[in-house]
């Protein structure tokens, strides 16, 4: 397991299955941390073997602001371009509400 921490945001990568990129998110996904999440996930997409799926475990996610939402959309687009499916697992009510309000649920949640 690899961890990345930035202030109040951490990303833990579970590398036990090389064909699945699994990350646990903890803290606030906002203008401070969004770029860091992008860097970690995009770096994993670039490593061989390329994953078939990306799982972002959102159970520990706090606030997700517009920059955090933008990062999720960028991850979704990059993954889709590679034929990789994105899963937002264990979404809380606040994230679901944000996806509904912004009309991005259909784009981000399969």
Protein backbone atom coordinates (compact mmCIF):
# COMPACT_ATOMS: atom_id res chain seq x y z
CA UNK A 1 0.00 0.00 0.00
CA UNK A 2 1.30 3.43 -0.96
CA UNK A 3 0.16 6.59 0.81
CA UNK A 4 0.19 10.21 -0.22
CA UNK A 5 -0.63 12.92 2.31
CA UNK A 6 -1.19 16.64 1.78
CA UNK A 7 -2.29 18.62 4.84
CA UNK A 8 -5.75 17.24 5.67
CA UNK A 9 -6.06 15.04 2.57
CA UNK A 10 -4.59 11.58 2.08
CA UNK A 11 -4.72 9.04 -0.72
CA UNK A 12 -3.89 5.43 0.09
CA UNK A 13 -3.25 3.18 -2.89
CA UNK A 14 -3.93 -0.53 -2.62
CA UNK A 15 -1.63 -2.20 -5.14
CA UNK A 16 -2.60 -5.79 -4.30
CA UNK A 17 -4.35 -6.30 -7.66
CA UNK A 18 -2.28 -5.00 -10.59
CA UNK A 19 -5.32 -4.78 -12.87
CA UNK A 20 -7.34 -2.63 -10.47
CA UNK A 21 -6.19 0.79 -9.33
CA UNK A 22 -7.77 1.20 -5.89
CA UNK A 23 -7.45 4.37 -3.82
CA UNK A 24 -8.91 5.33 -0.44
CA UNK A 25 -9.56 9.05 -0.08
CA UNK A 26 -9.52 10.72 3.32
CA UNK A 27 -10.20 14.37 4.03
CA UNK A 28 -11.29 17.27 1.86
CA UNK A 29 -10.97 17.14 -1.91
CA UNK A 30 -10.66 20.81 -2.71
CA UNK A 31 -8.54 23.42 -4.49
CA UNK A 32 -5.55 22.49 -2.30
CA UNK A 33 -5.69 18.71 -2.79
CA UNK A 34 -7.35 18.17 -6.18
CA UNK A 35 -4.13 18.46 -8.16
CA UNK A 36 -2.46 15.96 -5.85
CA UNK A 37 -5.22 13.39 -6.41
CA UNK A 38 -4.92 13.91 -10.15
CA UNK A 39 -1.17 13.38 -10.05
CA UNK A 40 -1.44 10.13 -8.06
CA UNK A 41 -4.19 8.61 -10.21
CA UNK A 42 -2.72 9.71 -13.54
CA UNK A 43 0.68 8.33 -12.52
CA UNK A 44 -0.98 4.98 -11.81
CA UNK A 45 -2.70 5.03 -15.19
CA UNK A 46 0.72 5.45 -16.76
CA UNK A 47 2.32 2.45 -15.03
CA UNK A 48 2.29 -1.03 -16.50
CA UNK A 49 0.26 -3.04 -16.37
CA UNK A 50 -2.48 -0.54 -17.08
CA UNK A 51 -5.49 -1.10 -14.82
CA UNK A 52 -8.84 -2.19 -16.18
CA UNK A 53 -10.68 -0.28 -13.45
CA UNK A 54 -10.11 2.58 -11.04
CA UNK A 55 -11.86 2.45 -7.68
CA UNK A 56 -11.94 5.61 -5.58
CA UNK A 57 -13.22 4.74 -2.10
CA UNK A 58 -14.97 7.91 -0.98
CA UNK A 59 -16.04 6.71 2.49
CA UNK A 60 -13.46 8.96 4.16
CA UNK A 61 -14.04 11.93 1.86
CA UNK A 62 -15.03 15.14 3.58
CA UNK A 63 -15.81 18.21 1.52
CA UNK A 64 -15.60 18.04 -2.26
CA UNK A 65 -15.60 21.51 -3.80
CA UNK A 66 -15.81 22.50 -7.47
CA UNK A 67 -12.09 21.93 -7.98
CA UNK A 68 -12.38 18.47 -6.46
CA UNK A 69 -15.32 17.71 -8.72
CA UNK A 70 -13.30 18.93 -11.68
CA UNK A 71 -10.49 16.53 -10.71
CA UNK A 72 -12.95 13.63 -10.65
CA UNK A 73 -14.18 14.60 -14.11
CA UNK A 74 -10.62 14.78 -15.45
CA UNK A 75 -9.86 11.36 -13.97
CA UNK A 76 -13.03 9.98 -15.57
CA UNK A 77 -12.10 11.41 -18.97
CA UNK A 78 -8.50 10.17 -18.83
CA UNK A 79 -9.62 6.74 -17.71
CA UNK A 80 -12.32 6.50 -20.39
CA UNK A 81 -9.83 7.48 -23.08
CA UNK A 82 -7.77 4.44 -22.03
CA UNK A 83 -10.78 2.12 -21.80
CA UNK A 84 -10.58 2.10 -18.00
CA UNK A 85 -13.78 2.23 -15.96
CA UNK A 86 -14.02 4.61 -12.98
CA UNK A 87 -15.94 3.66 -9.84
CA UNK A 88 -16.74 6.10 -7.02
CA UNK A 89 -17.28 3.64 -4.19
CA UNK A 90 -18.88 4.34 -0.80
CA UNK A 91 -20.09 7.80 -1.73
CA UNK A 92 -21.56 9.80 1.11
CA UNK A 93 -24.72 11.89 0.97
CA UNK A 94 -22.79 15.13 0.45
CA UNK A 95 -20.95 13.81 -2.62
CA UNK A 96 -24.14 12.35 -4.06
CA UNK A 97 -25.89 15.69 -3.55
CA UNK A 98 -23.03 17.52 -5.29
CA UNK A 99 -23.23 15.10 -8.23
CA UNK A 100 -27.01 15.61 -8.44
CA UNK A 101 -26.89 19.40 -8.17
CA UNK A 102 -24.17 19.71 -10.81
CA UNK A 103 -25.71 17.15 -13.16
CA UNK A 104 -22.52 15.08 -13.15
CA UNK A 105 -23.93 11.90 -11.58
CA UNK A 106 -24.59 10.25 -14.95
CA UNK A 107 -21.08 11.15 -16.11
CA UNK A 108 -19.26 9.91 -13.00
CA UNK A 109 -21.42 7.08 -11.65
CA UNK A 110 -22.08 4.05 -13.81
